[in-house]
């Protein structure tokens, strides 16, 4: 597997479509990896590891991105610089398939769904280790409401922490 190390983002696709990223290790990237306003992107067989980055909020973020596949990846948040929150964050993103991924050690939740624009996603056969849980669903008052019509099935949770015991 090729290893990609950078002090920058590592992977940032803005306004792109019909791209496949297969079998790359993104190691010690200082900024979260992103899909923004993108569709029909496949990210598979990759490793996202931030063992040295500081201040990174999430390992991977989809914003206003639809019809993407995130499959067979490993998301690892560890080490003294692992100060962020989530492994994978979907923000106003819909019709995505998140399947057969493994998540380790998010400081908060391993997957976060944000705002009403996050709907009709499928989360299947994922494994979550050492976090507060696999999913967090966030809505905002006012013009925003909670994510809806997302399918969550056959996911496994190991060694999850409660908020009360997290450090």
Foldseek 3Di string as FASTA:
>chain_A
DAEDEDCAARAEAECEADEEAAQYEDEQHQEAHEYHNYEHYEYANYEQENQDHAPYAENYEYYNYEHYEYYHYEFEQDHPRSDHAEHYEYHLYEHYEYENYEYDAGLAEHYEYEWQSYAHYEAEAYEYEEHQYHYDWDWDPDPTGIHDHYHYDHYYYYHHDHPVPGD
